[in-house]
C-alpha atoms as a PDB file:
ATOM      1  CA  MET A   1      22.535   3.105 -31.816  1.00  0.00           C
ATOM      2  CA  TYR A   2      25.945   3.951 -31.026  1.00  0.00           C
ATOM      3  CA  LYS A   3      27.698   7.614 -32.820  1.00  0.00           C
ATOM      4  CA  LEU A   4      30.656   8.491 -34.199  1.00  0.00           C
ATOM      5  CA  VAL A   5      31.531  11.570 -32.503  1.00  0.00           C
ATOM      6  CA  LEU A   6      34.981  12.010 -33.669  1.00  0.00           C
ATOM      7  CA  ALA A   7      37.195  10.772 -36.827  1.00  0.00           C
ATOM      8  CA  LYS A   8      41.181  11.469 -37.259  1.00  0.00           C
ATOM      9  CA  LEU A   9      43.869  11.302 -38.419  1.00  0.00           C
ATOM     10  CA  LYS A  10      46.534  11.283 -35.985  1.00  0.00           C
ATOM     11  CA  GLU A  11      49.901  10.321 -34.718  1.00  0.00           C
ATOM     12  CA  ILE A  12      50.218   7.759 -31.226  1.00  0.00           C
ATOM     13  CA  SER A  13      53.436   8.341 -29.293  1.00  0.00           C
ATOM     14  CA  GLY A  14      54.184   5.920 -26.194  1.00  0.00           C
ATOM     15  CA  VAL A  15      52.750   8.931 -23.922  1.00  0.00           C
ATOM     16  CA  ASP A  16      49.456   8.563 -25.462  1.00  0.00           C
ATOM     17  CA  ALA A  17      49.685   5.034 -25.970  1.00  0.00           C
ATOM     18  CA  MET A  18      49.801   4.909 -21.764  1.00  0.00           C
ATOM     19  CA  ASP A  19      47.694   7.670 -21.984  1.00  0.00           C
ATOM     20  CA  LEU A  20      45.222   5.406 -24.012  1.00  0.00           C
ATOM     21  CA  LEU A  21      45.841   2.078 -22.076  1.00  0.00           C
ATOM     22  CA  GLU A  22      44.727   3.979 -18.909  1.00  0.00           C
ATOM     23  CA  LEU A  23      41.368   3.704 -20.475  1.00  0.00           C
ATOM     24  CA  ASN A  24      41.799  -0.133 -21.184  1.00  0.00           C
ATOM     25  CA  ASN A  25      39.103  -1.194 -18.230  1.00  0.00           C
ATOM     26  CA  TYR A  26      35.915  -2.766 -20.610  1.00  0.00           C
ATOM     27  CA  ARG A  27      34.641  -5.646 -18.392  1.00  0.00           C
ATOM     28  CA  GLY A  28      34.457  -7.248 -21.676  1.00  0.00           C
ATOM     29  CA  GLN A  29      37.498  -6.347 -23.159  1.00  0.00           C
ATOM     30  CA  ARG A  30      38.744  -9.554 -24.599  1.00  0.00           C
ATOM     31  CA  THR A  31      41.873 -10.917 -23.379  1.00  0.00           C
ATOM     32  CA  LEU A  32      45.267  -9.297 -24.171  1.00  0.00           C
ATOM     33  CA  ARG A  33      47.290 -11.919 -26.866  1.00  0.00           C
ATOM     34  CA  PRO A  34      50.616 -11.549 -26.380  1.00  0.00           C
ATOM     35  CA  LYS A  35      51.381 -13.512 -29.752  1.00  0.00           C
ATOM     36  CA  HIS A  36      49.306 -10.794 -31.154  1.00  0.00           C
ATOM     37  CA  VAL A  37      51.471  -8.229 -29.614  1.00  0.00           C
ATOM     38  CA  THR A  38      54.296  -9.784 -30.451  1.00  0.00           C
ATOM     39  CA  MET A  39      53.679  -9.930 -34.859  1.00  0.00           C
ATOM     40  CA  LEU A  40      52.202  -5.881 -34.665  1.00  0.00           C
ATOM     41  CA  ARG A  41      55.471  -4.827 -32.780  1.00  0.00           C
ATOM     42  CA  ASN A  42      57.331  -6.750 -35.669  1.00  0.00           C
ATOM     43  CA  GLU A  43      55.295  -5.219 -38.145  1.00  0.00           C
ATOM     44  CA  MET A  44      56.050  -1.629 -36.582  1.00  0.00           C
ATOM     45  CA  GLU A  45      60.193  -1.913 -36.323  1.00  0.00           C
ATOM     46  CA  ASN A  46      60.230  -3.604 -40.104  1.00  0.00           C
ATOM     47  CA  GLY A  47      57.960  -1.065 -41.011  1.00  0.00           C
ATOM     48  CA  ARG A  48      55.463  -2.597 -42.058  1.00  0.00           C
ATOM     49  CA  PHE A  49      52.651  -1.529 -40.165  1.00  0.00           C
ATOM     50  CA  LEU A  50      50.810   0.923 -42.117  1.00  0.00           C
ATOM     51  CA  THR A  51      47.513   2.864 -40.779  1.00  0.00           C
ATOM     52  CA  GLY A  52      45.695   1.360 -37.216  1.00  0.00           C
ATOM     53  CA  ASN A  53      42.739   1.686 -36.023  1.00  0.00           C
ATOM     54  CA  ILE A  54      41.922   2.842 -32.033  1.00  0.00           C
ATOM     55  CA  ALA A  55      38.740   3.769 -30.600  1.00  0.00           C
ATOM     56  CA  VAL A  56      37.323   5.069 -27.614  1.00  0.00           C
ATOM     57  CA  ALA A  57      33.712   4.964 -26.784  1.00  0.00           C
ATOM     58  CA  ILE A  58      31.819   7.072 -24.139  1.00  0.00           C
ATOM     59  CA  LEU A  59      30.130   5.494 -22.011  1.00  0.00           C
ATOM     60  CA  ASN A  60      26.737   8.066 -21.944  1.00  0.00           C
ATOM     61  CA  TYR A  61      25.563   5.264 -19.072  1.00  0.00           C
ATOM     62  CA  ASP A  62      28.306   5.167 -16.764  1.00  0.00           C
ATOM     63  CA  GLU A  63      28.674   8.890 -16.156  1.00  0.00           C
ATOM     64  CA  LYS A  64      30.622   9.381 -19.481  1.00  0.00           C
ATOM     65  CA  ARG A  65      33.239   7.159 -18.940  1.00  0.00           C
ATOM     66  CA  LYS A  66      35.647   6.386 -21.411  1.00  0.00           C
ATOM     67  CA  VAL A  67      36.745   3.001 -22.254  1.00  0.00           C
ATOM     68  CA  ILE A  68      38.472   1.298 -25.097  1.00  0.00           C
ATOM     69  CA  ALA A  69      36.830  -0.464 -27.770  1.00  0.00           C
ATOM     70  CA  ASN A  70      39.401  -0.985 -29.580  1.00  0.00           C
ATOM     71  CA  GLY A  71      43.569  -1.278 -30.070  1.00  0.00           C
ATOM     72  CA  GLN A  72      44.906  -2.963 -27.126  1.00  0.00           C
ATOM     73  CA  HIS A  73      46.913  -4.833 -28.840  1.00  0.00           C
ATOM     74  CA  GLN A  74      48.115  -1.804 -31.144  1.00  0.00           C
ATOM     75  CA  LEU A  75      49.311   0.260 -28.229  1.00  0.00           C
ATOM     76  CA  LYS A  76      50.893  -2.303 -26.577  1.00  0.00           C
ATOM     77  CA  ALA A  77      52.662  -3.321 -29.593  1.00  0.00           C
ATOM     78  CA  LEU A  78      53.841   0.576 -29.751  1.00  0.00           C
ATOM     79  CA  LEU A  79      54.772   0.427 -26.068  1.00  0.00           C
ATOM     80  CA  ALA A  80      57.328  -2.340 -27.069  1.00  0.00           C
ATOM     81  CA  ALA A  81      58.629  -0.949 -30.355  1.00  0.00           C
ATOM     82  CA  ASN A  82      58.773   2.315 -28.630  1.00  0.00           C
ATOM     83  CA  ILE A  83      57.690   3.845 -32.582  1.00  0.00           C
ATOM     84  CA  PRO A  84      55.368   5.988 -33.120  1.00  0.00           C
ATOM     85  CA  ILE A  85      51.874   4.804 -35.208  1.00  0.00           C
ATOM     86  CA  ARG A  86      49.604   7.243 -37.325  1.00  0.00           C
ATOM     87  CA  VAL A  87      45.650   5.923 -36.980  1.00  0.00           C
ATOM     88  CA  VAL A  88      42.790   6.724 -37.627  1.00  0.00           C
ATOM     89  CA  TYR A  89      40.905   7.793 -33.602  1.00  0.00           C
ATOM     90  CA  GLN A  90      37.437   7.648 -33.702  1.00  0.00           C
ATOM     91  CA  GLU A  91      35.479   7.820 -30.526  1.00  0.00           C
ATOM     92  CA  TYR A  92      32.162   6.863 -30.244  1.00  0.00           C
ATOM     93  CA  SER A  93      28.813   7.862 -27.860  1.00  0.00           C
ATOM     94  CA  CYS A  94      26.994   4.702 -26.283  1.00  0.00           C
ATOM     95  CA  ASP A  95      23.848   5.663 -24.450  1.00  0.00           C
ATOM     96  CA  GLY A  96      23.544   1.773 -23.285  1.00  0.00           C
ATOM     97  CA  PRO A  97      25.413  -1.194 -22.745  1.00  0.00           C
ATOM     98  CA  GLU A  98      23.903  -2.791 -25.820  1.00  0.00           C
ATOM     99  CA  ASP A  99      25.322  -0.044 -27.760  1.00  0.00           C
ATOM    100  CA  MET A 100      28.867  -0.895 -26.307  1.00  0.00           C
ATOM    101  CA  ALA A 101      28.269  -4.650 -26.704  1.00  0.00           C
ATOM    102  CA  ASN A 102      27.342  -3.760 -30.246  1.00  0.00           C
ATOM    103  CA  LEU A 103      30.437  -1.500 -30.999  1.00  0.00           C
ATOM    104  CA  TYR A 104      32.506  -3.601 -29.218  1.00  0.00           C
ATOM    105  CA  SER A 105      31.374  -6.680 -31.792  1.00  0.00           C
ATOM    106  CA  GLY A 106      31.530  -4.275 -34.955  1.00  0.00           C
ATOM    107  CA  PHE A 107      35.574  -3.957 -34.551  1.00  0.00           C
ATOM    108  CA  ASP A 108      36.801  -7.374 -36.684  1.00  0.00           C
ATOM    109  CA  ASN A 109      40.235  -6.560 -37.640  1.00  0.00           C
ATOM    110  CA  HIS A 110      43.695  -7.596 -37.362  1.00  0.00           C
ATOM    111  CA  ALA A 111      43.128 -10.108 -34.615  1.00  0.00           C
ATOM    112  CA  ALA A 112      39.994 -11.359 -35.689  1.00  0.00           C
ATOM    113  CA  ARG A 113      37.626 -11.353 -32.796  1.00  0.00           C
ATOM    114  CA  SER A 114      35.862 -15.128 -32.083  1.00  0.00           C
ATOM    115  CA  LEU A 115      32.728 -15.616 -30.952  1.00  0.00           C
ATOM    116  CA  GLY A 116      33.427 -16.041 -27.437  1.00  0.00           C
ATOM    117  CA  ASP A 117      34.594 -12.747 -27.609  1.00  0.00           C
ATOM    118  CA  VAL A 118      31.688 -10.866 -28.518  1.00  0.00           C
ATOM    119  CA  VAL A 119      28.926 -12.882 -26.580  1.00  0.00           C
ATOM    120  CA  VAL A 120      30.949 -11.349 -23.020  1.00  0.00           C
ATOM    121  CA  PRO A 121      29.642  -7.802 -23.673  1.00  0.00           C
ATOM    122  CA  GLU A 122      26.975  -9.316 -24.820  1.00  0.00           C
ATOM    123  CA  SER A 123      26.107 -10.766 -21.505  1.00  0.00           C
ATOM    124  CA  ILE A 124      26.718  -7.622 -20.322  1.00  0.00           C
ATOM    125  CA  ALA A 125      24.434  -5.832 -22.444  1.00  0.00           C
ATOM    126  CA  VAL A 126      22.073  -8.538 -21.293  1.00  0.00           C
ATOM    127  CA  GLY A 127      22.347  -8.675 -17.149  1.00  0.00           C
ATOM    128  CA  VAL A 128      24.555 -12.052 -17.040  1.00  0.00           C
ATOM    129  CA  ASP A 129      27.805 -11.481 -16.858  1.00  0.00           C
ATOM    130  CA  GLY A 130      28.159 -13.690 -13.595  1.00  0.00           C
ATOM    131  CA  TRP A 131      27.674 -16.141 -16.520  1.00  0.00           C
ATOM    132  CA  LYS A 132      31.554 -18.564 -16.440  1.00  0.00           C
ATOM    133  CA  GLY A 133      32.707 -17.383 -20.057  1.00  0.00           C
ATOM    134  CA  LYS A 134      32.684 -21.294 -21.072  1.00  0.00           C
ATOM    135  CA  THR A 135      28.626 -21.378 -20.391  1.00  0.00           C
ATOM    136  CA  LEU A 136      28.323 -18.295 -22.241  1.00  0.00           C
ATOM    137  CA  ARG A 137      30.058 -19.914 -25.560  1.00  0.00           C
ATOM    138  CA  VAL A 138      28.406 -22.953 -25.535  1.00  0.00           C
ATOM    139  CA  VAL A 139      24.839 -21.744 -24.446  1.00  0.00           C
ATOM    140  CA  VAL A 140      25.400 -18.764 -27.515  1.00  0.00           C
ATOM    141  CA  SER A 141      26.461 -22.349 -29.552  1.00  0.00           C
ATOM    142  CA  ALA A 142      23.173 -24.166 -28.844  1.00  0.00           C
ATOM    143  CA  ALA A 143      20.896 -21.205 -29.467  1.00  0.00           C
ATOM    144  CA  VAL A 144      23.036 -21.415 -32.970  1.00  0.00           C
ATOM    145  CA  SER A 145      21.876 -24.281 -33.901  1.00  0.00           C
ATOM    146  CA  ILE A 146      18.538 -24.042 -32.003  1.00  0.00           C
ATOM    147  CA  SER A 147      17.588 -21.311 -34.242  1.00  0.00           C
ATOM    148  CA  GLY A 148      19.502 -22.083 -37.538  1.00  0.00           C
ATOM    149  CA  ALA A 149      21.884 -19.059 -37.475  1.00  0.00           C
ATOM    150  CA  GLU A 150      24.948 -21.073 -38.227  1.00  0.00           C
ATOM    151  CA  GLU A 151      25.744 -18.770 -40.774  1.00  0.00           C
ATOM    152  CA  TRP A 152      24.584 -15.701 -39.967  1.00  0.00           C
ATOM    153  CA  PRO A 153      27.946 -13.144 -38.527  1.00  0.00           C
ATOM    154  CA  LYS A 154      29.544 -13.182 -35.037  1.00  0.00           C
ATOM    155  CA  ARG A 155      27.699 -10.316 -33.776  1.00  0.00           C
ATOM    156  CA  GLU A 156      24.295 -11.506 -34.964  1.00  0.00           C
ATOM    157  CA  LYS A 157      24.773 -15.158 -32.945  1.00  0.00           C
ATOM    158  CA  ALA A 158      25.573 -13.042 -30.151  1.00  0.00           C
ATOM    159  CA  HIS A 159      22.508 -11.194 -29.512  1.00  0.00           C
ATOM    160  CA  LEU A 160      20.681 -14.425 -29.186  1.00  0.00           C
ATOM    161  CA  LEU A 161      22.102 -14.305 -25.835  1.00  0.00           C
ATOM    162  CA  GLY A 162      19.230 -12.122 -25.049  1.00  0.00           C
ATOM    163  CA  LEU A 163      16.362 -14.251 -26.363  1.00  0.00           C
ATOM    164  CA  TYR A 164      17.020 -17.305 -24.572  1.00  0.00           C
ATOM    165  CA  VAL A 165      18.810 -15.735 -21.362  1.00  0.00           C
ATOM    166  CA  LYS A 166      16.100 -18.308 -18.980  1.00  0.00           C
ATOM    167  CA  GLN A 167      17.153 -21.386 -20.728  1.00  0.00           C
ATOM    168  CA  GLY A 168      20.456 -20.644 -20.441  1.00  0.00           C
ATOM    169  CA  GLY A 169      20.120 -19.314 -16.669  1.00  0.00           C
ATOM    170  CA  PHE A 170      18.870 -23.185 -16.453  1.00  0.00           C
ATOM    171  CA  VAL A 171      22.319 -24.324 -18.371  1.00  0.00           C
ATOM    172  CA  ASN A 172      23.939 -22.165 -15.907  1.00  0.00           C
ATOM    173  CA  ASN A 173      22.285 -23.628 -12.964  1.00  0.00           C
ATOM    174  CA  ILE A 174      22.857 -26.976 -13.968  1.00  0.00           C
ATOM    175  CA  VAL A 175      26.443 -26.591 -14.829  1.00  0.00           C
ATOM    176  CA  LYS A 176      27.877 -23.966 -11.774  1.00  0.00           C
ATOM    177  CA  ASP A 177      30.059 -26.567 -10.385  1.00  0.00           C
ATOM    178  CA  SER A 178      32.220 -27.097 -13.136  1.00  0.00           C
ATOM    179  CA  ARG A 179      33.988 -30.188 -12.483  1.00  0.00           C
ATOM    180  CA  SER A 180      31.315 -32.297 -11.840  1.00  0.00           C
ATOM    181  CA  SER A 181      29.316 -30.985 -15.458  1.00  0.00           C
ATOM    182  CA  ARG A 182      32.472 -31.399 -17.806  1.00  0.00           C
ATOM    183  CA  HIS A 183      30.637 -33.844 -19.904  1.00  0.00           C
ATOM    184  CA  LEU A 184      27.140 -31.748 -19.853  1.00  0.00           C
ATOM    185  CA  MET A 185      29.541 -29.105 -21.589  1.00  0.00           C
ATOM    186  CA  ARG A 186      29.085 -29.500 -25.573  1.00  0.00           C
ATOM    187  CA  SER A 187      26.272 -27.563 -27.747  1.00  0.00           C
ATOM    188  CA  PRO A 188      24.271 -30.359 -28.079  1.00  0.00           C
ATOM    189  CA  VAL A 189      23.933 -31.057 -25.139  1.00  0.00           C
ATOM    190  CA  VAL A 190      22.998 -27.842 -24.251  1.00  0.00           C
ATOM    191  CA  ARG A 191      20.851 -27.339 -27.058  1.00  0.00           C
ATOM    192  CA  ALA A 192      19.042 -30.353 -25.202  1.00  0.00           C
ATOM    193  CA  MET A 193      19.116 -29.504 -21.935  1.00  0.00           C
ATOM    194  CA  MET A 194      16.920 -25.524 -23.367  1.00  0.00           C
ATOM    195  CA  GLU A 195      14.701 -27.313 -25.639  1.00  0.00           C
ATOM    196  CA  THR A 196      13.834 -29.897 -21.969  1.00  0.00           C
ATOM    197  CA  TYR A 197      13.197 -27.114 -20.042  1.00  0.00           C
ATOM    198  CA  ASP A 198      10.598 -25.567 -22.753  1.00  0.00           C
ATOM    199  CA  LYS A 199       9.179 -28.333 -22.232  1.00  0.00           C
ATOM    200  CA  ASP A 200       8.988 -28.836 -18.845  1.00  0.00           C
ATOM    201  CA  TRP A 201      11.581 -26.489 -16.674  1.00  0.00           C
ATOM    202  CA  GLN A 202      10.441 -29.166 -13.613  1.00  0.00           C
ATOM    203  CA  SER A 203      11.065 -32.093 -14.678  1.00  0.00           C
ATOM    204  CA  ALA A 204      14.259 -31.046 -16.903  1.00  0.00           C
ATOM    205  CA  LYS A 205      16.386 -29.909 -13.515  1.00  0.00           C
ATOM    206  CA  ILE A 206      15.662 -33.850 -12.119  1.00  0.00           C
ATOM    207  CA  PHE A 207      17.177 -35.043 -15.500  1.00  0.00           C
ATOM    208  CA  TRP A 208      20.010 -33.015 -16.604  1.00  0.00           C
ATOM    209  CA  GLU A 209      20.951 -33.049 -12.636  1.00  0.00           C
ATOM    210  CA  ASP A 210      20.725 -36.560 -12.594  1.00  0.00           C
ATOM    211  CA  VAL A 211      22.498 -36.556 -15.584  1.00  0.00           C
ATOM    212  CA  ARG A 212      25.000 -34.281 -14.633  1.00  0.00           C
ATOM    213  CA  ASP A 213      25.507 -36.334 -11.000  1.00  0.00           C
ATOM    214  CA  GLY A 214      24.175 -39.722 -11.947  1.00  0.00           C
ATOM    215  CA  ALA A 215      23.694 -40.570  -8.196  1.00  0.00           C
ATOM    216  CA  GLU A 216      21.477 -43.324  -6.480  1.00  0.00           C
ATOM    217  CA  LEU A 217      20.408 -44.315 -10.531  1.00  0.00           C
ATOM    218  CA  LYS A 218      19.559 -48.121 -11.403  1.00  0.00           C
ATOM    219  CA  LYS A 219      22.146 -49.257 -13.826  1.00  0.00           C
ATOM    220  CA  ASN A 220      19.366 -48.929 -16.547  1.00  0.00           C
ATOM    221  CA  ASP A 221      18.349 -45.860 -15.763  1.00  0.00           C
ATOM    222  CA  PRO A 222      18.251 -43.279 -19.169  1.00  0.00           C
ATOM    223  CA  ALA A 223      19.989 -40.879 -17.350  1.00  0.00           C
ATOM    224  CA  LEU A 224      22.925 -42.623 -16.183  1.00  0.00           C
ATOM    225  CA  LEU A 225      22.690 -43.949 -19.037  1.00  0.00           C
ATOM    226  CA  LEU A 226      23.477 -40.383 -20.864  1.00  0.00           C
ATOM    227  CA  LYS A 227      26.068 -39.728 -18.210  1.00  0.00           C
ATOM    228  CA  ASN A 228      28.697 -42.703 -19.073  1.00  0.00           C
ATOM    229  CA  TYR A 229      28.067 -42.268 -22.634  1.00  0.00           C
ATOM    230  CA  LEU A 230      28.682 -38.549 -22.682  1.00  0.00           C
ATOM    231  CA  GLN A 231      31.795 -38.672 -20.267  1.00  0.00           C
ATOM    232  CA  MET A 232      33.255 -41.465 -22.499  1.00  0.00           C
ATOM    233  CA  ALA A 233      32.047 -40.097 -25.908  1.00  0.00           C
ATOM    234  CA  ALA A 234      34.270 -36.921 -23.335  1.00  0.00           C
ATOM    235  CA  ILE A 235      37.666 -38.973 -23.703  1.00  0.00           C
ATOM    236  CA  SER A 236      36.341 -39.857 -27.331  1.00  0.00           C
ATOM    237  CA  ALA A 237      37.126 -36.236 -28.182  1.00  0.00           C
ATOM    238  CA  ARG A 238      40.575 -36.352 -27.510  1.00  0.00           C
ATOM    239  CA  ASN A 239      41.038 -38.970 -29.669  1.00  0.00           C
ATOM    240  CA  VAL A 240      41.532 -41.938 -26.046  1.00  0.00           C
ATOM    241  CA  LYS A 241      39.579 -45.798 -27.099  1.00  0.00           C
ATOM    242  CA  SER A 242      37.130 -44.982 -25.740  1.00  0.00           C
ATOM    243  CA  ALA A 243      33.813 -48.322 -24.480  1.00  0.00           C
ATOM    244  CA  TYR A 244      32.164 -46.667 -27.229  1.00  0.00           C
ATOM    245  CA  ARG A 245      33.767 -46.071 -30.317  1.00  0.00           C
ATOM    246  CA  GLN A 246      37.076 -45.110 -30.897  1.00  0.00           C
ATOM    247  CA  GLU A 247      36.528 -42.007 -33.432  1.00  0.00           C
ATOM    248  CA  SER A 248      34.764 -38.582 -33.187  1.00  0.00           C
ATOM    249  CA  VAL A 249      30.777 -38.411 -32.081  1.00  0.00           C
ATOM    250  CA  THR A 250      29.245 -35.898 -34.211  1.00  0.00           C
ATOM    251  CA  ALA A 251      27.239 -33.045 -32.713  1.00  0.00           C
ATOM    252  CA  ARG A 252      23.903 -34.994 -33.808  1.00  0.00           C
ATOM    253  CA  GLU A 253      24.457 -38.404 -32.619  1.00  0.00           C
ATOM    254  CA  MET A 254      24.863 -36.860 -29.716  1.00  0.00           C
ATOM    255  CA  TYR A 255      22.488 -34.040 -29.150  1.00  0.00           C
ATOM    256  CA  VAL A 256      19.873 -37.180 -30.862  1.00  0.00           C
ATOM    257  CA  LYS A 257      21.551 -39.312 -27.738  1.00  0.00           C
ATOM    258  CA  CYS A 258      19.837 -37.163 -25.264  1.00  0.00           C
ATOM    259  CA  LEU A 259      17.180 -37.158 -26.461  1.00  0.00           C
ATOM    260  CA  HIS A 260      16.602 -40.563 -26.817  1.00  0.00           C
ATOM    261  CA  ALA A 261      17.344 -40.860 -22.516  1.00  0.00           C
ATOM    262  CA  TRP A 262      14.958 -37.832 -21.670  1.00  0.00           C
ATOM    263  CA  ASN A 263      12.022 -39.557 -24.007  1.00  0.00           C
ATOM    264  CA  ALA A 264      12.328 -42.924 -22.044  1.00  0.00           C
ATOM    265  CA  SER A 265      12.872 -41.122 -18.633  1.00  0.00           C
ATOM    266  CA  ARG A 266       9.749 -39.103 -19.026  1.00  0.00           C
ATOM    267  CA  SER A 267       7.434 -42.296 -20.771  1.00  0.00           C
ATOM    268  CA  GLY A 268       9.508 -44.794 -18.105  1.00  0.00           C
ATOM    269  CA  THR A 269      10.565 -46.960 -20.603  1.00  0.00           C
ATOM    270  CA  LYS A 270      13.813 -48.485 -21.323  1.00  0.00           C
ATOM    271  CA  THR A 271      16.508 -46.965 -24.220  1.00  0.00           C
ATOM    272  CA  ASN A 272      20.029 -48.475 -25.039  1.00  0.00           C
ATOM    273  CA  LEU A 273      20.566 -44.803 -27.123  1.00  0.00           C
ATOM    274  CA  ARG A 274      20.770 -45.769 -29.915  1.00  0.00           C
ATOM    275  CA  TYR A 275      21.741 -43.729 -32.860  1.00  0.00           C
ATOM    276  CA  LEU A 276      20.473 -44.476 -36.525  1.00  0.00           C
ATOM    277  CA  PRO A 277      22.559 -41.688 -38.827  1.00  0.00           C
ATOM    278  CA  ASP A 278      19.505 -41.924 -41.381  1.00  0.00           C
ATOM    279  CA  ALA A 279      16.811 -41.665 -39.108  1.00  0.00           C
ATOM    280  CA  PRO A 280      14.641 -38.562 -38.651  1.00  0.00           C
ATOM    281  CA  ILE A 281      15.766 -36.742 -35.160  1.00  0.00           C
ATOM    282  CA  PRO A 282      12.743 -37.704 -32.072  1.00  0.00           C
ATOM    283  CA  ARG A 283      10.938 -34.952 -31.166  1.00  0.00           C
ATOM    284  CA  LEU A 284      10.656 -34.776 -27.180  1.00  0.00           C
ATOM    285  CA  VAL A 285       7.649 -35.886 -25.271  1.00  0.00           C
END
């Protein structure tokens, strides 16, 4: 667990800000948001900025290297406004990457951190930071759905990544070519991918590669039907008239249709991917 080793009220000048920003090189750091920097700058210039918070992490597992854990937007705004600010300055000791991920996700003030923001540090902690950011987000969203964790705090949701590394790795391998995999990058689809992987990973690999590519499949093949449906559903989600419907497709419908296609493929039967809102969710075969 990370440990607080220093906390004090401190005035930060422009020189201090430049020195601290030299430490802003943590790989899990979120992308700077210029609009938020501008908002903070305006607050500083108008005298409405009260007490900020700057946190530095000491990475004991990485030669005691120091990195910014919180405050990059405040420091950038300070430099733009050229006005010193008062902050609570803190330093934390982190013995492992999971400590750093927990510390980083704990700072959720000023510009609230999204689930995607806290998933990236978690991916470093569990050793899957080579995955694309969108893949990380959709895998965690699917894990949240599987686990019934919709009401959990963001940091607890991010921790699910470590429990679904194998399933997420399977998804990552299927969708690594983002251009041909756009129709698969939805949480209910990825949930079905992860659950079918658990059922039979070899069959799942063949099935989802077929859903991705649709190569050399007969027109009534369940995988091809699902591919066509998911592609049209993606268009429908962008408010373009589709062959299936004009309104947006629900996550439940998309998930159920994935299961219908998988079950038909496994059993060698036909399907029209029919969805009945009141019907129970089918069980995987």
